[in-house]
N, C-alpha and C. Protein backbone atom coordinates (compact mmCIF):
# COMPACT_ATOMS: atom_id res chain seq x y z
N MET A 1 -39.83 -29.07 53.41
CA MET A 1 -39.40 -29.18 52.04
C MET A 1 -38.80 -27.86 51.55
N LYS A 2 -39.46 -26.74 51.94
CA LYS A 2 -38.98 -25.43 51.53
C LYS A 2 -37.62 -25.15 52.15
N LYS A 3 -37.42 -25.58 53.40
CA LYS A 3 -36.14 -25.37 54.06
C LYS A 3 -35.04 -26.16 53.35
N LEU A 4 -35.35 -27.36 52.92
CA LEU A 4 -34.38 -28.21 52.23
C LEU A 4 -33.97 -27.59 50.89
N LEU A 5 -34.93 -27.09 50.14
CA LEU A 5 -34.63 -26.45 48.86
C LEU A 5 -33.83 -25.16 49.06
N ALA A 6 -34.17 -24.39 50.07
CA ALA A 6 -33.45 -23.16 50.36
C ALA A 6 -32.01 -23.47 50.74
N MET A 7 -31.81 -24.52 51.58
CA MET A 7 -30.47 -24.92 52.00
C MET A 7 -29.65 -25.41 50.80
N LEU A 8 -30.26 -26.20 49.92
CA LEU A 8 -29.59 -26.72 48.73
C LEU A 8 -29.20 -25.57 47.79
N PHE A 9 -30.08 -24.61 47.65
CA PHE A 9 -29.82 -23.44 46.81
C PHE A 9 -28.65 -22.62 47.36
N LEU A 10 -28.63 -22.39 48.67
CA LEU A 10 -27.54 -21.64 49.29
C LEU A 10 -26.20 -22.36 49.15
N LEU A 11 -26.21 -23.69 49.34
CA LEU A 11 -24.97 -24.46 49.18
C LEU A 11 -24.46 -24.40 47.74
N THR A 12 -25.38 -24.41 46.79
CA THR A 12 -24.97 -24.32 45.38
C THR A 12 -24.34 -22.96 45.09
N ILE A 13 -24.95 -21.90 45.58
CA ILE A 13 -24.42 -20.55 45.38
C ILE A 13 -23.05 -20.42 46.04
N ILE A 14 -22.91 -20.91 47.26
CA ILE A 14 -21.64 -20.84 47.98
C ILE A 14 -20.56 -21.63 47.25
N GLY A 15 -20.93 -22.80 46.73
CA GLY A 15 -19.98 -23.62 45.98
C GLY A 15 -19.51 -22.92 44.71
N LEU A 16 -20.43 -22.27 44.02
CA LEU A 16 -20.05 -21.54 42.80
C LEU A 16 -19.14 -20.36 43.10
N VAL A 17 -19.44 -19.64 44.18
CA VAL A 17 -18.62 -18.49 44.55
C VAL A 17 -17.21 -18.93 44.90
N TYR A 18 -17.06 -19.99 45.70
CA TYR A 18 -15.73 -20.47 46.06
C TYR A 18 -15.01 -21.08 44.86
N GLY A 19 -15.74 -21.68 43.96
CA GLY A 19 -15.12 -22.25 42.76
C GLY A 19 -14.55 -21.16 41.86
N GLN A 20 -15.25 -20.06 41.74
CA GLN A 20 -14.77 -18.94 40.93
C GLN A 20 -13.59 -18.25 41.58
N GLY A 21 -13.59 -18.15 42.87
CA GLY A 21 -12.52 -17.46 43.60
C GLY A 21 -11.18 -18.14 43.42
N SER A 22 -11.12 -19.44 43.37
CA SER A 22 -9.84 -20.13 43.28
C SER A 22 -9.23 -19.99 41.89
N SER A 23 -10.05 -19.87 40.84
CA SER A 23 -9.49 -19.73 39.50
C SER A 23 -9.08 -18.29 39.21
N ALA A 24 -9.62 -17.33 39.96
CA ALA A 24 -9.27 -15.93 39.74
C ALA A 24 -7.88 -15.62 40.28
N VAL A 25 -7.43 -16.32 41.31
CA VAL A 25 -6.12 -16.09 41.88
C VAL A 25 -5.13 -16.96 41.12
N LYS A 26 -4.20 -16.31 40.41
CA LYS A 26 -3.23 -17.07 39.63
C LYS A 26 -1.94 -17.17 40.41
N GLU A 27 -1.37 -18.34 40.35
CA GLU A 27 -0.10 -18.54 41.03
C GLU A 27 1.02 -18.07 40.12
N LYS A 28 2.07 -17.55 40.75
CA LYS A 28 3.22 -17.13 39.99
C LYS A 28 3.98 -18.36 39.52
N GLY A 29 4.28 -18.39 38.28
CA GLY A 29 5.02 -19.52 37.75
C GLY A 29 5.91 -19.06 36.61
N THR A 30 6.55 -19.98 35.98
CA THR A 30 7.41 -19.63 34.86
C THR A 30 6.57 -19.44 33.61
N ILE A 31 6.96 -18.50 32.82
CA ILE A 31 6.26 -18.24 31.56
C ILE A 31 6.95 -19.06 30.49
N SER A 32 6.17 -19.84 29.78
CA SER A 32 6.77 -20.67 28.74
C SER A 32 7.10 -19.80 27.54
N LYS A 33 8.11 -20.19 26.79
CA LYS A 33 8.53 -19.44 25.62
C LYS A 33 7.52 -19.63 24.50
N ASP A 34 7.54 -18.70 23.57
CA ASP A 34 6.62 -18.76 22.44
C ASP A 34 6.93 -20.00 21.61
N THR A 35 5.89 -20.70 21.21
CA THR A 35 6.08 -21.94 20.48
C THR A 35 6.00 -21.75 18.98
N ILE A 36 5.69 -20.54 18.52
CA ILE A 36 5.59 -20.31 17.09
C ILE A 36 6.99 -20.09 16.54
N LYS A 37 7.35 -20.87 15.56
CA LYS A 37 8.67 -20.78 14.96
C LYS A 37 8.62 -19.83 13.77
N LYS A 38 9.70 -19.11 13.55
CA LYS A 38 9.78 -18.21 12.41
C LYS A 38 10.02 -19.02 11.15
N ASP A 39 9.34 -18.60 10.07
CA ASP A 39 9.52 -19.25 8.78
C ASP A 39 10.78 -18.68 8.14
N LYS A 40 11.74 -19.54 7.87
CA LYS A 40 13.02 -19.08 7.36
C LYS A 40 13.16 -19.28 5.86
N THR A 41 12.08 -19.65 5.17
CA THR A 41 12.17 -19.89 3.73
C THR A 41 11.86 -18.61 2.97
N ASN A 42 12.59 -18.39 1.91
CA ASN A 42 12.33 -17.28 1.00
C ASN A 42 11.51 -17.82 -0.16
N LEU A 43 10.37 -17.20 -0.40
CA LEU A 43 9.51 -17.70 -1.47
C LEU A 43 10.07 -17.37 -2.84
N LEU A 44 10.26 -16.10 -3.13
CA LEU A 44 10.79 -15.70 -4.42
C LEU A 44 11.93 -14.71 -4.22
N PRO A 45 13.09 -15.01 -4.76
CA PRO A 45 14.17 -14.04 -4.63
C PRO A 45 13.91 -12.85 -5.56
N SER A 46 14.06 -11.66 -5.04
CA SER A 46 13.91 -10.47 -5.86
C SER A 46 14.93 -9.44 -5.39
N THR A 47 15.34 -8.61 -6.31
CA THR A 47 16.30 -7.58 -5.99
C THR A 47 15.54 -6.32 -5.60
N THR A 48 15.78 -5.82 -4.41
CA THR A 48 15.10 -4.61 -3.95
C THR A 48 16.12 -3.49 -3.82
N ILE A 49 15.87 -2.41 -4.51
CA ILE A 49 16.74 -1.24 -4.43
C ILE A 49 15.88 -0.09 -3.92
N LYS A 50 16.13 0.36 -2.71
CA LYS A 50 15.37 1.41 -2.04
C LYS A 50 13.88 1.08 -2.06
N ASP A 51 13.13 1.73 -2.95
CA ASP A 51 11.67 1.58 -2.97
C ASP A 51 11.20 0.80 -4.19
N THR A 52 12.13 0.21 -4.94
CA THR A 52 11.80 -0.41 -6.21
C THR A 52 12.06 -1.90 -6.16
N VAL A 53 11.16 -2.67 -6.76
CA VAL A 53 11.35 -4.11 -6.88
C VAL A 53 11.56 -4.42 -8.35
N PHE A 54 12.65 -5.11 -8.65
CA PHE A 54 12.97 -5.46 -10.03
C PHE A 54 12.35 -6.81 -10.35
N GLU A 55 11.54 -6.85 -11.40
CA GLU A 55 10.93 -8.10 -11.84
C GLU A 55 11.47 -8.45 -13.22
N PRO A 56 12.13 -9.59 -13.34
CA PRO A 56 12.72 -9.94 -14.63
C PRO A 56 11.71 -10.45 -15.66
N ASN A 57 10.48 -10.76 -15.27
CA ASN A 57 9.51 -11.36 -16.18
C ASN A 57 8.56 -10.35 -16.81
N VAL A 58 9.01 -9.13 -17.05
CA VAL A 58 8.15 -8.13 -17.66
C VAL A 58 8.79 -7.58 -18.92
N LYS A 59 7.94 -7.05 -19.79
CA LYS A 59 8.38 -6.47 -21.04
C LYS A 59 7.86 -5.04 -21.10
N TYR A 60 8.68 -4.10 -21.54
CA TYR A 60 8.29 -2.70 -21.62
C TYR A 60 7.96 -2.37 -23.08
N VAL A 61 6.75 -1.86 -23.32
CA VAL A 61 6.32 -1.49 -24.66
C VAL A 61 6.19 0.03 -24.71
N LEU A 62 6.87 0.66 -25.67
CA LEU A 62 6.86 2.11 -25.79
C LEU A 62 5.44 2.60 -26.07
N TYR A 63 4.99 3.55 -25.28
CA TYR A 63 3.67 4.15 -25.48
C TYR A 63 3.80 5.55 -26.06
N LYS A 64 4.66 6.37 -25.48
CA LYS A 64 4.83 7.74 -25.97
C LYS A 64 6.22 8.25 -25.62
N LYS A 65 6.86 8.88 -26.59
CA LYS A 65 8.16 9.49 -26.37
C LYS A 65 7.97 11.00 -26.40
N ASN A 66 8.77 11.72 -25.65
CA ASN A 66 8.70 13.19 -25.57
C ASN A 66 7.36 13.71 -25.07
N GLY A 67 6.74 13.00 -24.15
CA GLY A 67 5.50 13.48 -23.54
C GLY A 67 5.82 14.41 -22.38
N HIS A 68 4.91 15.30 -22.08
CA HIS A 68 5.10 16.22 -20.96
C HIS A 68 4.40 15.66 -19.73
N ALA A 69 5.10 15.68 -18.60
CA ALA A 69 4.54 15.19 -17.34
C ALA A 69 4.57 16.31 -16.31
N SER A 70 3.58 16.30 -15.44
CA SER A 70 3.53 17.23 -14.32
C SER A 70 3.11 16.43 -13.09
N TYR A 71 2.92 17.11 -11.97
CA TYR A 71 2.47 16.39 -10.79
C TYR A 71 1.26 17.06 -10.18
N TYR A 72 0.48 16.25 -9.43
CA TYR A 72 -0.73 16.72 -8.77
C TYR A 72 -0.40 17.79 -7.73
N ALA A 73 -1.30 18.72 -7.58
CA ALA A 73 -1.16 19.71 -6.50
C ALA A 73 -1.49 19.04 -5.17
N ASP A 74 -0.96 19.59 -4.09
CA ASP A 74 -1.17 19.02 -2.76
C ASP A 74 -2.64 19.05 -2.34
N LYS A 75 -3.43 19.95 -2.92
CA LYS A 75 -4.83 20.06 -2.51
C LYS A 75 -5.67 18.83 -2.88
N PHE A 76 -5.17 17.98 -3.78
CA PHE A 76 -5.92 16.79 -4.17
C PHE A 76 -5.68 15.61 -3.24
N HIS A 77 -4.73 15.74 -2.31
CA HIS A 77 -4.41 14.64 -1.39
C HIS A 77 -5.65 14.27 -0.56
N GLY A 78 -6.03 13.00 -0.59
CA GLY A 78 -7.18 12.51 0.17
C GLY A 78 -8.49 12.52 -0.59
N ARG A 79 -8.53 13.18 -1.75
CA ARG A 79 -9.77 13.21 -2.53
C ARG A 79 -9.91 11.94 -3.36
N ARG A 80 -11.13 11.65 -3.76
CA ARG A 80 -11.38 10.46 -4.58
C ARG A 80 -10.92 10.70 -6.02
N THR A 81 -10.36 9.65 -6.62
CA THR A 81 -9.95 9.72 -8.01
C THR A 81 -11.07 9.16 -8.88
N ALA A 82 -10.87 9.17 -10.19
CA ALA A 82 -11.89 8.66 -11.11
C ALA A 82 -12.09 7.15 -10.95
N SER A 83 -11.09 6.44 -10.43
CA SER A 83 -11.23 5.00 -10.22
C SER A 83 -11.94 4.68 -8.91
N GLY A 84 -12.16 5.68 -8.06
CA GLY A 84 -12.83 5.46 -6.79
C GLY A 84 -11.88 5.39 -5.61
N GLN A 85 -10.58 5.25 -5.88
CA GLN A 85 -9.59 5.21 -4.80
C GLN A 85 -9.33 6.63 -4.30
N ARG A 86 -8.81 6.72 -3.09
CA ARG A 86 -8.40 8.03 -2.57
C ARG A 86 -6.99 8.33 -3.07
N PHE A 87 -6.79 9.55 -3.51
CA PHE A 87 -5.47 9.96 -3.99
C PHE A 87 -4.52 10.13 -2.81
N ASP A 88 -3.36 9.51 -2.92
CA ASP A 88 -2.32 9.63 -1.90
C ASP A 88 -1.06 10.12 -2.59
N MET A 89 -0.63 11.33 -2.24
CA MET A 89 0.55 11.91 -2.91
C MET A 89 1.84 11.23 -2.49
N HIS A 90 1.77 10.32 -1.51
CA HIS A 90 2.96 9.60 -1.04
C HIS A 90 3.07 8.22 -1.67
N LYS A 91 2.23 7.90 -2.65
CA LYS A 91 2.30 6.62 -3.35
C LYS A 91 2.72 6.86 -4.80
N MET A 92 3.13 5.79 -5.46
CA MET A 92 3.55 5.88 -6.86
C MET A 92 2.35 5.67 -7.77
N THR A 93 1.61 6.74 -8.04
CA THR A 93 0.42 6.65 -8.88
C THR A 93 0.47 7.73 -9.95
N ALA A 94 -0.45 7.60 -10.94
CA ALA A 94 -0.48 8.55 -12.04
C ALA A 94 -1.89 8.70 -12.57
N ALA A 95 -2.10 9.79 -13.30
CA ALA A 95 -3.35 10.02 -14.01
C ALA A 95 -3.04 10.07 -15.49
N HIS A 96 -3.83 9.34 -16.28
CA HIS A 96 -3.64 9.32 -17.72
C HIS A 96 -4.99 9.40 -18.39
N LYS A 97 -5.04 9.98 -19.59
CA LYS A 97 -6.30 10.19 -20.28
C LYS A 97 -6.90 8.90 -20.84
N LYS A 98 -6.05 7.99 -21.33
CA LYS A 98 -6.57 6.82 -22.05
C LYS A 98 -6.22 5.46 -21.46
N LEU A 99 -5.09 5.33 -20.79
CA LEU A 99 -4.67 4.02 -20.28
C LEU A 99 -5.65 3.52 -19.23
N PRO A 100 -5.95 2.21 -19.22
CA PRO A 100 -6.93 1.68 -18.26
C PRO A 100 -6.43 1.75 -16.82
N PHE A 101 -7.40 1.85 -15.88
CA PHE A 101 -7.06 1.88 -14.46
C PHE A 101 -6.35 0.59 -14.09
N GLY A 102 -5.35 0.70 -13.23
CA GLY A 102 -4.60 -0.47 -12.79
C GLY A 102 -3.41 -0.78 -13.67
N SER A 103 -3.27 -0.08 -14.80
CA SER A 103 -2.12 -0.31 -15.68
C SER A 103 -0.85 0.13 -14.97
N LYS A 104 0.18 -0.67 -15.12
CA LYS A 104 1.49 -0.32 -14.59
C LYS A 104 2.29 0.25 -15.76
N ILE A 105 2.88 1.41 -15.53
CA ILE A 105 3.67 2.04 -16.58
C ILE A 105 5.00 2.53 -16.00
N ARG A 106 5.99 2.56 -16.88
CA ARG A 106 7.30 3.09 -16.47
C ARG A 106 7.45 4.47 -17.11
N VAL A 107 7.72 5.44 -16.27
CA VAL A 107 7.90 6.82 -16.72
C VAL A 107 9.36 7.18 -16.52
N THR A 108 10.03 7.58 -17.61
CA THR A 108 11.46 7.89 -17.57
C THR A 108 11.68 9.36 -17.90
N ASN A 109 12.41 10.04 -17.05
CA ASN A 109 12.78 11.44 -17.29
C ASN A 109 13.86 11.44 -18.37
N GLU A 110 13.61 12.14 -19.47
CA GLU A 110 14.56 12.14 -20.57
C GLU A 110 15.81 12.96 -20.27
N ALA A 111 15.72 13.88 -19.33
CA ALA A 111 16.87 14.73 -19.01
C ALA A 111 17.95 13.99 -18.24
N ASN A 112 17.56 13.10 -17.32
CA ASN A 112 18.57 12.44 -16.49
C ASN A 112 18.50 10.91 -16.53
N GLY A 113 17.52 10.33 -17.20
CA GLY A 113 17.43 8.88 -17.33
C GLY A 113 16.81 8.16 -16.16
N LYS A 114 16.39 8.87 -15.12
CA LYS A 114 15.75 8.22 -13.97
C LYS A 114 14.34 7.80 -14.35
N SER A 115 13.91 6.67 -13.77
CA SER A 115 12.56 6.18 -14.09
C SER A 115 11.87 5.65 -12.84
N VAL A 116 10.54 5.64 -12.89
CA VAL A 116 9.71 5.08 -11.83
C VAL A 116 8.61 4.25 -12.48
N ILE A 117 8.12 3.28 -11.71
CA ILE A 117 6.98 2.48 -12.14
C ILE A 117 5.79 2.94 -11.32
N VAL A 118 4.73 3.36 -12.02
CA VAL A 118 3.54 3.89 -11.36
C VAL A 118 2.31 3.12 -11.84
N GLU A 119 1.24 3.25 -11.06
CA GLU A 119 -0.04 2.62 -11.42
C GLU A 119 -1.03 3.72 -11.77
N VAL A 120 -1.76 3.54 -12.88
CA VAL A 120 -2.76 4.51 -13.31
C VAL A 120 -4.01 4.31 -12.46
N ASN A 121 -4.45 5.37 -11.75
CA ASN A 121 -5.66 5.26 -10.94
C ASN A 121 -6.56 6.48 -11.08
N ASP A 122 -6.28 7.33 -12.08
CA ASP A 122 -7.10 8.53 -12.25
C ASP A 122 -7.08 8.96 -13.71
N ARG A 123 -8.00 9.85 -14.07
CA ARG A 123 -8.03 10.44 -15.40
C ARG A 123 -7.43 11.84 -15.34
N GLY A 124 -6.87 12.25 -16.45
CA GLY A 124 -6.24 13.55 -16.52
C GLY A 124 -4.90 13.40 -17.20
N PRO A 125 -4.10 14.38 -17.31
CA PRO A 125 -4.31 15.77 -16.92
C PRO A 125 -5.24 16.47 -17.90
N PHE A 126 -5.86 17.53 -17.43
CA PHE A 126 -6.82 18.25 -18.26
C PHE A 126 -6.20 19.50 -18.86
N VAL A 127 -4.94 19.37 -19.23
CA VAL A 127 -4.21 20.41 -19.95
C VAL A 127 -3.78 19.78 -21.26
N ARG A 128 -4.08 20.42 -22.36
CA ARG A 128 -3.88 19.82 -23.68
C ARG A 128 -2.44 19.38 -23.94
N SER A 129 -1.46 20.13 -23.47
CA SER A 129 -0.07 19.83 -23.80
C SER A 129 0.54 18.72 -22.93
N ARG A 130 -0.12 18.32 -21.86
CA ARG A 130 0.45 17.32 -20.96
C ARG A 130 -0.11 15.94 -21.23
N GLU A 131 0.76 14.95 -21.08
CA GLU A 131 0.38 13.56 -21.34
C GLU A 131 0.01 12.81 -20.06
N ILE A 132 0.69 13.13 -18.95
CA ILE A 132 0.51 12.35 -17.72
C ILE A 132 0.70 13.25 -16.49
N ASP A 133 -0.06 12.96 -15.45
CA ASP A 133 0.11 13.61 -14.14
C ASP A 133 0.64 12.55 -13.18
N LEU A 134 1.71 12.85 -12.48
CA LEU A 134 2.30 11.91 -11.52
C LEU A 134 1.99 12.36 -10.10
N SER A 135 2.00 11.42 -9.18
CA SER A 135 1.90 11.80 -7.76
C SER A 135 3.18 12.53 -7.39
N LYS A 136 3.14 13.27 -6.31
CA LYS A 136 4.30 14.07 -5.92
C LYS A 136 5.52 13.19 -5.65
N LYS A 137 5.31 12.03 -5.01
CA LYS A 137 6.43 11.14 -4.71
C LYS A 137 7.08 10.63 -5.98
N ALA A 138 6.28 10.22 -6.97
CA ALA A 138 6.82 9.71 -8.22
C ALA A 138 7.55 10.81 -8.99
N PHE A 139 6.97 12.01 -9.00
CA PHE A 139 7.58 13.12 -9.72
C PHE A 139 8.93 13.50 -9.11
N MET A 140 8.97 13.61 -7.79
CA MET A 140 10.21 14.01 -7.12
C MET A 140 11.30 12.94 -7.23
N ALA A 141 10.89 11.68 -7.41
CA ALA A 141 11.87 10.61 -7.53
C ALA A 141 12.65 10.70 -8.84
N ILE A 142 12.04 11.25 -9.90
CA ILE A 142 12.73 11.31 -11.19
C ILE A 142 13.09 12.73 -11.62
N ALA A 143 12.67 13.73 -10.87
CA ALA A 143 12.95 15.11 -11.25
C ALA A 143 14.42 15.44 -11.12
N SER A 144 14.96 16.15 -12.11
CA SER A 144 16.35 16.59 -12.01
C SER A 144 16.42 17.89 -11.22
N SER A 145 15.39 18.70 -11.32
CA SER A 145 15.31 19.94 -10.54
C SER A 145 14.02 19.88 -9.73
N LYS A 146 14.14 19.90 -8.41
CA LYS A 146 12.97 19.77 -7.54
C LYS A 146 12.03 20.97 -7.65
N GLY A 147 12.51 22.09 -8.19
CA GLY A 147 11.68 23.28 -8.31
C GLY A 147 10.82 23.30 -9.56
N SER A 148 11.11 22.41 -10.51
CA SER A 148 10.34 22.42 -11.75
C SER A 148 8.99 21.75 -11.54
N GLY A 149 8.01 22.14 -12.36
CA GLY A 149 6.67 21.56 -12.23
C GLY A 149 6.32 20.62 -13.36
N SER A 150 7.17 20.57 -14.39
CA SER A 150 6.91 19.65 -15.50
C SER A 150 8.23 19.20 -16.09
N MET A 151 8.18 18.15 -16.88
CA MET A 151 9.38 17.61 -17.51
C MET A 151 8.98 16.79 -18.73
N LYS A 152 9.96 16.53 -19.58
CA LYS A 152 9.73 15.66 -20.74
C LYS A 152 10.04 14.23 -20.32
N VAL A 153 9.12 13.32 -20.66
CA VAL A 153 9.26 11.93 -20.24
C VAL A 153 8.97 10.98 -21.39
N THR A 154 9.43 9.75 -21.21
CA THR A 154 9.06 8.64 -22.08
C THR A 154 8.17 7.72 -21.27
N ILE A 155 7.05 7.32 -21.86
CA ILE A 155 6.08 6.47 -21.17
C ILE A 155 6.08 5.09 -21.83
N GLU A 156 6.27 4.06 -21.00
CA GLU A 156 6.26 2.68 -21.49
C GLU A 156 5.26 1.88 -20.65
N THR A 157 4.43 1.09 -21.32
CA THR A 157 3.51 0.23 -20.58
C THR A 157 4.23 -1.07 -20.24
N ILE A 158 3.85 -1.67 -19.14
CA ILE A 158 4.48 -2.91 -18.68
C ILE A 158 3.56 -4.07 -19.00
N VAL A 159 4.11 -5.05 -19.71
CA VAL A 159 3.37 -6.25 -20.09
C VAL A 159 4.10 -7.44 -19.50
N LYS A 160 3.38 -8.32 -18.80
CA LYS A 160 4.01 -9.53 -18.25
C LYS A 160 4.24 -10.52 -19.38
N LYS A 161 5.40 -11.19 -19.36
CA LYS A 161 5.73 -12.17 -20.40
C LYS A 161 4.94 -13.44 -20.24
């Protein structure tokens, strides 16, 4: 009886080993093409100009005219803001004393008319004469002179219609 069980056990092991061996060797064959089709539908048409998306369903409400704006120093890059997010000087963000976090605002340079849309994610600036601190990317996008550290701006809040 023991010999029969030992023989049956060995045959089972041998069968499993040979069964695994045949599936491990793959035959060369043709590779089928990808069956996933690209979606060719456009959900919402929008006009994109460089880094800006134009949305026709928004209204701009004047918040402050002739405010002074500056930009964050590079040493704040990667640090946590008052909202808990990490500050990224390569994003369009701003710090404001009173506007709620997540507010979208349009900041326009009064000297040249250029404007950017930024999101408030921090508190500040902590200088009495300044109204808003912009990230370096947002500041450089509207600055008329890249060497200046502050400018006069108009601040408008964005309200969806």
